[in-house]
């Protein structure tokens, strides 16, 4: 239960990678309302996203192949407000526990998919449309409301 006792910046590379639940939601194209900061997810996945596994098809070269891909690290994670509310990195930064379906908690890599907190079995665009107006592809699968941090 290293995630309970260590700060993100103190994790080993293997521990850091283990925190990822492989939902693939962070690999969807997103739009941000610059006035409000609200993030809108679209049904357009990164071209490298394996939508069944929720992983990158070329993880080690992803930032070279997709220049807009952001490499998450402990130094920048707090500024990544575009991460889904269900994301383990975001949850830990916000002082929240990992959910019961997280692979580190339940020991099951497919639990995130059965819980419906992933890209698996979602109606996604097969590729980025050439003259895409991403606003036309905004989706609301209810995932984000369900896992949003409660406001007090």
Foldseek 3Di string as FASTA:
>chain_A
DVLVVDQQQPDDPVVNVLQFLLQLQLQFDWDADVVVRDIFGFLAGDLQAPQARSDGVCVVCVCVVPVVDDDDGSVCLVVPPNDALLRSSNCSVVVHDHDCQRCVNPVDSCSCVVVVSHSPPPDHDNHQPPPDPRVVGTDCPVNRVVNPDDDD
